[in-house]
Amino acid sequence: MKDHYYVYVMTDRTHSNFLVDTTTHLAHDVYEAKKRVVDHGVHHNDLHYLVHYEKVEDIDSASQRERVIREQLRHLIYEVINRNNPEWKDLSDEIDSFSEHQ
C-alpha cells in the first residue's frame, strides 16, 4: 500500500499564528489538536483550526512543499489559504469523511 502525505496548515481563532506540518495521518493529527489529546505546542497555542491541506505523493515533495509554505512571508501564506479556502472555514469536518486508510 502506498502512503500519501499531507502538508497542512492550522491556525488559531484570530489567524495570527500558524502551524505548518507534514503527516501521513491527517485526520488523526487534527483530532489530537482539536481534542487536545497530545501535550505539545499546538495545543498550548490553540492552533486547532485546519485551514489548508494538500495531498502529496512522496515524502520528498511533502517536505519541500512544507518548507516553501513555512518560508513564505505571512501575506503569501494568506494567499495560499484564500485561494483554496476563502472563508477560512475549519476543514476538519471535510477530513472526517475520509479514513486514515487512504
N, C-alpha and C. Protein backbone atom coordinates (compact mmCIF):
# COMPACT_ATOMS: atom_id res chain seq x y z
N MET A 1 0.84 -1.18 0.00
CA MET A 1 0.00 0.00 0.00
C MET A 1 0.88 1.24 0.00
N LYS A 2 0.58 2.16 -0.87
CA LYS A 2 1.37 3.37 -1.00
C LYS A 2 0.85 4.44 -0.03
N ASP A 3 1.78 5.03 0.71
CA ASP A 3 1.39 6.10 1.62
C ASP A 3 1.17 7.40 0.86
N HIS A 4 0.27 8.19 1.37
CA HIS A 4 0.09 9.56 0.91
C HIS A 4 0.51 10.46 2.04
N TYR A 5 1.00 11.60 1.70
CA TYR A 5 1.44 12.56 2.69
C TYR A 5 0.56 13.79 2.56
N TYR A 6 0.37 14.45 3.67
CA TYR A 6 -0.44 15.67 3.69
C TYR A 6 0.40 16.79 4.29
N VAL A 7 0.42 17.89 3.61
CA VAL A 7 1.01 19.12 4.14
C VAL A 7 -0.19 19.95 4.57
N TYR A 8 -0.18 20.40 5.82
CA TYR A 8 -1.36 21.11 6.30
C TYR A 8 -0.98 22.35 7.10
N VAL A 9 -1.97 23.24 7.20
CA VAL A 9 -1.80 24.49 7.95
C VAL A 9 -2.94 24.57 8.96
N MET A 10 -2.56 24.76 10.21
CA MET A 10 -3.54 25.00 11.26
C MET A 10 -3.29 26.40 11.81
N THR A 11 -4.34 27.00 12.32
CA THR A 11 -4.23 28.35 12.84
C THR A 11 -5.09 28.49 14.09
N ASP A 12 -4.98 29.65 14.71
CA ASP A 12 -5.80 29.94 15.88
C ASP A 12 -7.05 30.71 15.46
N ARG A 13 -7.85 31.07 16.42
CA ARG A 13 -9.11 31.75 16.16
C ARG A 13 -8.92 33.08 15.43
N THR A 14 -7.82 33.76 15.69
CA THR A 14 -7.60 35.09 15.10
C THR A 14 -6.74 35.04 13.84
N HIS A 15 -6.32 33.86 13.43
CA HIS A 15 -5.46 33.66 12.25
C HIS A 15 -4.15 34.42 12.36
N SER A 16 -3.64 34.52 13.55
CA SER A 16 -2.38 35.25 13.74
C SER A 16 -1.19 34.33 13.93
N ASN A 17 -1.42 33.07 14.27
CA ASN A 17 -0.35 32.09 14.44
C ASN A 17 -0.65 30.89 13.55
N PHE A 18 0.41 30.29 13.03
CA PHE A 18 0.24 29.17 12.11
C PHE A 18 1.14 28.01 12.50
N LEU A 19 0.67 26.82 12.20
CA LEU A 19 1.47 25.61 12.27
C LEU A 19 1.43 25.01 10.87
N VAL A 20 2.59 24.77 10.29
CA VAL A 20 2.69 24.08 9.01
C VAL A 20 3.41 22.76 9.29
N ASP A 21 2.81 21.66 8.86
CA ASP A 21 3.39 20.36 9.19
C ASP A 21 3.07 19.36 8.09
N THR A 22 3.72 18.20 8.17
CA THR A 22 3.51 17.10 7.23
C THR A 22 3.14 15.86 8.03
N THR A 23 2.22 15.06 7.49
CA THR A 23 1.79 13.85 8.17
C THR A 23 1.29 12.83 7.16
N THR A 24 1.21 11.60 7.58
CA THR A 24 0.52 10.57 6.79
C THR A 24 -0.85 10.29 7.40
N HIS A 25 -1.13 10.88 8.54
CA HIS A 25 -2.38 10.63 9.27
C HIS A 25 -3.07 11.95 9.60
N LEU A 26 -3.56 12.62 8.58
CA LEU A 26 -4.12 13.96 8.76
C LEU A 26 -5.30 13.97 9.74
N ALA A 27 -6.25 13.09 9.54
CA ALA A 27 -7.42 13.08 10.41
C ALA A 27 -7.03 12.86 11.87
N HIS A 28 -6.09 11.97 12.10
CA HIS A 28 -5.64 11.68 13.46
C HIS A 28 -4.94 12.89 14.08
N ASP A 29 -4.04 13.53 13.32
CA ASP A 29 -3.32 14.69 13.85
C ASP A 29 -4.26 15.85 14.16
N VAL A 30 -5.24 16.06 13.29
CA VAL A 30 -6.21 17.14 13.54
C VAL A 30 -7.07 16.79 14.74
N TYR A 31 -7.47 15.53 14.86
CA TYR A 31 -8.24 15.09 16.03
C TYR A 31 -7.47 15.38 17.31
N GLU A 32 -6.19 15.03 17.32
CA GLU A 32 -5.37 15.28 18.51
C GLU A 32 -5.33 16.77 18.85
N ALA A 33 -5.17 17.59 17.84
CA ALA A 33 -5.12 19.03 18.08
C ALA A 33 -6.45 19.54 18.62
N LYS A 34 -7.54 19.11 18.01
CA LYS A 34 -8.86 19.59 18.43
C LYS A 34 -9.24 19.09 19.83
N LYS A 35 -8.92 17.86 20.11
CA LYS A 35 -9.32 17.28 21.39
C LYS A 35 -8.24 17.43 22.46
N ARG A 36 -7.13 18.01 22.08
CA ARG A 36 -6.02 18.25 23.00
C ARG A 36 -5.55 16.97 23.67
N VAL A 37 -5.46 15.91 22.85
CA VAL A 37 -5.06 14.61 23.36
C VAL A 37 -3.58 14.59 23.69
N VAL A 38 -2.77 15.18 22.83
CA VAL A 38 -1.33 15.17 23.00
C VAL A 38 -0.89 16.52 23.53
N ASP A 39 0.08 16.53 24.42
CA ASP A 39 0.52 17.76 25.04
C ASP A 39 1.79 18.27 24.37
N HIS A 40 1.61 19.10 23.34
CA HIS A 40 2.76 19.78 22.72
C HIS A 40 2.30 21.14 22.22
N GLY A 41 3.15 21.90 21.58
CA GLY A 41 2.92 23.30 21.25
C GLY A 41 1.61 23.63 20.57
N VAL A 42 1.12 22.75 19.71
CA VAL A 42 -0.13 23.04 19.00
C VAL A 42 -1.24 23.35 19.98
N HIS A 43 -1.30 22.58 21.06
CA HIS A 43 -2.41 22.71 21.99
C HIS A 43 -2.27 23.92 22.90
N HIS A 44 -1.06 24.25 23.25
CA HIS A 44 -0.86 25.40 24.11
C HIS A 44 -1.21 26.70 23.41
N ASN A 45 -1.08 26.72 22.09
CA ASN A 45 -1.35 27.93 21.32
C ASN A 45 -2.73 27.94 20.70
N ASP A 46 -3.54 26.95 20.99
CA ASP A 46 -4.88 26.83 20.42
C ASP A 46 -4.89 26.88 18.90
N LEU A 47 -3.90 26.27 18.29
CA LEU A 47 -3.84 26.19 16.83
C LEU A 47 -4.59 24.93 16.40
N HIS A 48 -5.90 24.99 16.45
CA HIS A 48 -6.67 23.79 16.15
C HIS A 48 -7.71 23.99 15.06
N TYR A 49 -7.51 25.00 14.21
CA TYR A 49 -8.38 25.21 13.06
C TYR A 49 -7.62 24.81 11.81
N LEU A 50 -8.04 23.75 11.16
CA LEU A 50 -7.41 23.30 9.92
C LEU A 50 -7.93 24.18 8.79
N VAL A 51 -7.06 24.97 8.19
CA VAL A 51 -7.50 25.91 7.15
C VAL A 51 -6.95 25.57 5.77
N HIS A 52 -6.01 24.64 5.71
CA HIS A 52 -5.46 24.27 4.40
C HIS A 52 -4.77 22.92 4.52
N TYR A 53 -4.94 22.10 3.48
CA TYR A 53 -4.14 20.88 3.38
C TYR A 53 -4.00 20.49 1.93
N GLU A 54 -2.92 19.81 1.65
CA GLU A 54 -2.61 19.34 0.31
C GLU A 54 -2.16 17.88 0.40
N LYS A 55 -2.64 17.07 -0.51
CA LYS A 55 -2.21 15.67 -0.59
C LYS A 55 -0.99 15.61 -1.51
N VAL A 56 0.07 14.98 -1.04
CA VAL A 56 1.32 14.88 -1.78
C VAL A 56 1.70 13.41 -1.84
N GLU A 57 2.27 12.98 -2.96
CA GLU A 57 2.53 11.56 -3.20
C GLU A 57 3.77 11.01 -2.52
N ASP A 58 4.79 11.82 -2.28
CA ASP A 58 6.01 11.27 -1.69
C ASP A 58 6.57 12.21 -0.64
N ILE A 59 7.38 11.67 0.24
CA ILE A 59 7.88 12.42 1.39
C ILE A 59 8.79 13.56 0.97
N ASP A 60 9.57 13.38 -0.10
CA ASP A 60 10.45 14.46 -0.54
C ASP A 60 9.64 15.67 -1.01
N SER A 61 8.60 15.41 -1.79
CA SER A 61 7.74 16.51 -2.26
C SER A 61 7.00 17.16 -1.10
N ALA A 62 6.56 16.35 -0.15
CA ALA A 62 5.86 16.88 1.02
C ALA A 62 6.78 17.77 1.84
N SER A 63 8.01 17.32 2.06
CA SER A 63 8.96 18.11 2.84
C SER A 63 9.29 19.42 2.14
N GLN A 64 9.46 19.34 0.84
CA GLN A 64 9.76 20.55 0.07
C GLN A 64 8.59 21.53 0.12
N ARG A 65 7.37 21.03 -0.06
CA ARG A 65 6.19 21.91 -0.03
C ARG A 65 6.01 22.52 1.35
N GLU A 66 6.22 21.74 2.39
CA GLU A 66 6.12 22.26 3.76
C GLU A 66 7.12 23.39 3.96
N ARG A 67 8.33 23.18 3.50
CA ARG A 67 9.39 24.19 3.65
C ARG A 67 9.02 25.47 2.89
N VAL A 68 8.48 25.33 1.69
CA VAL A 68 8.08 26.50 0.89
C VAL A 68 7.01 27.30 1.62
N ILE A 69 5.99 26.61 2.12
CA ILE A 69 4.91 27.31 2.83
C ILE A 69 5.44 27.97 4.09
N ARG A 70 6.27 27.26 4.85
CA ARG A 70 6.83 27.82 6.08
C ARG A 70 7.66 29.07 5.84
N GLU A 71 8.42 29.06 4.77
CA GLU A 71 9.34 30.16 4.50
C GLU A 71 8.66 31.36 3.85
N GLN A 72 7.43 31.19 3.42
CA GLN A 72 6.74 32.30 2.77
C GLN A 72 6.44 33.40 3.79
N LEU A 73 6.43 34.59 3.27
CA LEU A 73 6.01 35.71 4.11
C LEU A 73 4.54 35.54 4.46
N ARG A 74 4.14 36.13 5.56
CA ARG A 74 2.77 35.96 6.05
C ARG A 74 1.72 36.24 4.97
N HIS A 75 1.90 37.29 4.18
CA HIS A 75 0.88 37.61 3.17
C HIS A 75 0.79 36.52 2.11
N LEU A 76 1.88 35.81 1.84
CA LEU A 76 1.82 34.73 0.88
C LEU A 76 1.11 33.51 1.45
N ILE A 77 1.27 33.27 2.74
CA ILE A 77 0.53 32.19 3.39
C ILE A 77 -0.97 32.49 3.32
N TYR A 78 -1.33 33.74 3.58
CA TYR A 78 -2.74 34.13 3.46
C TYR A 78 -3.25 33.88 2.04
N GLU A 79 -2.43 34.16 1.02
CA GLU A 79 -2.84 33.94 -0.37
C GLU A 79 -3.11 32.46 -0.64
N VAL A 80 -2.24 31.59 -0.15
CA VAL A 80 -2.43 30.15 -0.34
C VAL A 80 -3.75 29.72 0.27
N ILE A 81 -4.03 30.16 1.46
CA ILE A 81 -5.28 29.79 2.14
C ILE A 81 -6.48 30.43 1.46
N ASN A 82 -6.37 31.72 1.13
CA ASN A 82 -7.50 32.41 0.49
C ASN A 82 -7.86 31.81 -0.86
N ARG A 83 -6.88 31.30 -1.58
CA ARG A 83 -7.13 30.71 -2.89
C ARG A 83 -7.99 29.45 -2.76
N ASN A 84 -7.72 28.64 -1.75
CA ASN A 84 -8.41 27.36 -1.61
C ASN A 84 -9.50 27.35 -0.55
N ASN A 85 -9.47 28.30 0.35
CA ASN A 85 -10.43 28.33 1.45
C ASN A 85 -10.70 29.80 1.82
N PRO A 86 -11.35 30.55 0.92
CA PRO A 86 -11.50 31.99 1.11
C PRO A 86 -12.28 32.39 2.37
N GLU A 87 -13.10 31.49 2.87
CA GLU A 87 -13.87 31.79 4.08
C GLU A 87 -13.12 31.37 5.35
N TRP A 88 -11.95 30.80 5.20
CA TRP A 88 -11.14 30.30 6.31
C TRP A 88 -11.95 29.35 7.19
N LYS A 89 -12.75 28.52 6.54
CA LYS A 89 -13.53 27.52 7.28
C LYS A 89 -12.60 26.50 7.89
N ASP A 90 -13.01 25.94 9.00
CA ASP A 90 -12.29 24.82 9.60
C ASP A 90 -12.61 23.59 8.76
N LEU A 91 -11.60 23.03 8.12
CA LEU A 91 -11.79 21.92 7.18
C LEU A 91 -11.79 20.55 7.86
N SER A 92 -11.77 20.53 9.16
CA SER A 92 -11.71 19.24 9.85
C SER A 92 -12.93 18.38 9.58
N ASP A 93 -14.10 18.98 9.36
CA ASP A 93 -15.28 18.18 9.02
C ASP A 93 -15.08 17.47 7.68
N GLU A 94 -14.42 18.13 6.77
CA GLU A 94 -14.13 17.57 5.45
C GLU A 94 -13.23 16.35 5.56
N ILE A 95 -12.23 16.40 6.41
CA ILE A 95 -11.32 15.26 6.51
C ILE A 95 -11.90 14.15 7.37
N ASP A 96 -12.89 14.46 8.21
CA ASP A 96 -13.52 13.41 8.99
C ASP A 96 -14.21 12.39 8.07
N SER A 97 -14.54 12.84 6.86
CA SER A 97 -15.26 11.96 5.95
C SER A 97 -14.35 10.98 5.23
N PHE A 98 -13.04 11.18 5.28
CA PHE A 98 -12.17 10.15 4.69
C PHE A 98 -11.38 9.47 5.79
N SER A 99 -11.03 8.25 5.53
CA SER A 99 -10.41 7.46 6.58
C SER A 99 -8.90 7.57 6.53
N GLU A 100 -8.28 7.11 7.57
CA GLU A 100 -6.82 7.08 7.66
C GLU A 100 -6.24 6.06 6.70
N HIS A 101 -7.06 5.24 6.11
CA HIS A 101 -6.56 4.15 5.27
C HIS A 101 -6.36 4.58 3.83
N GLN A 102 -6.55 5.85 3.52
CA GLN A 102 -6.34 6.32 2.15
C GLN A 102 -4.88 6.31 1.80
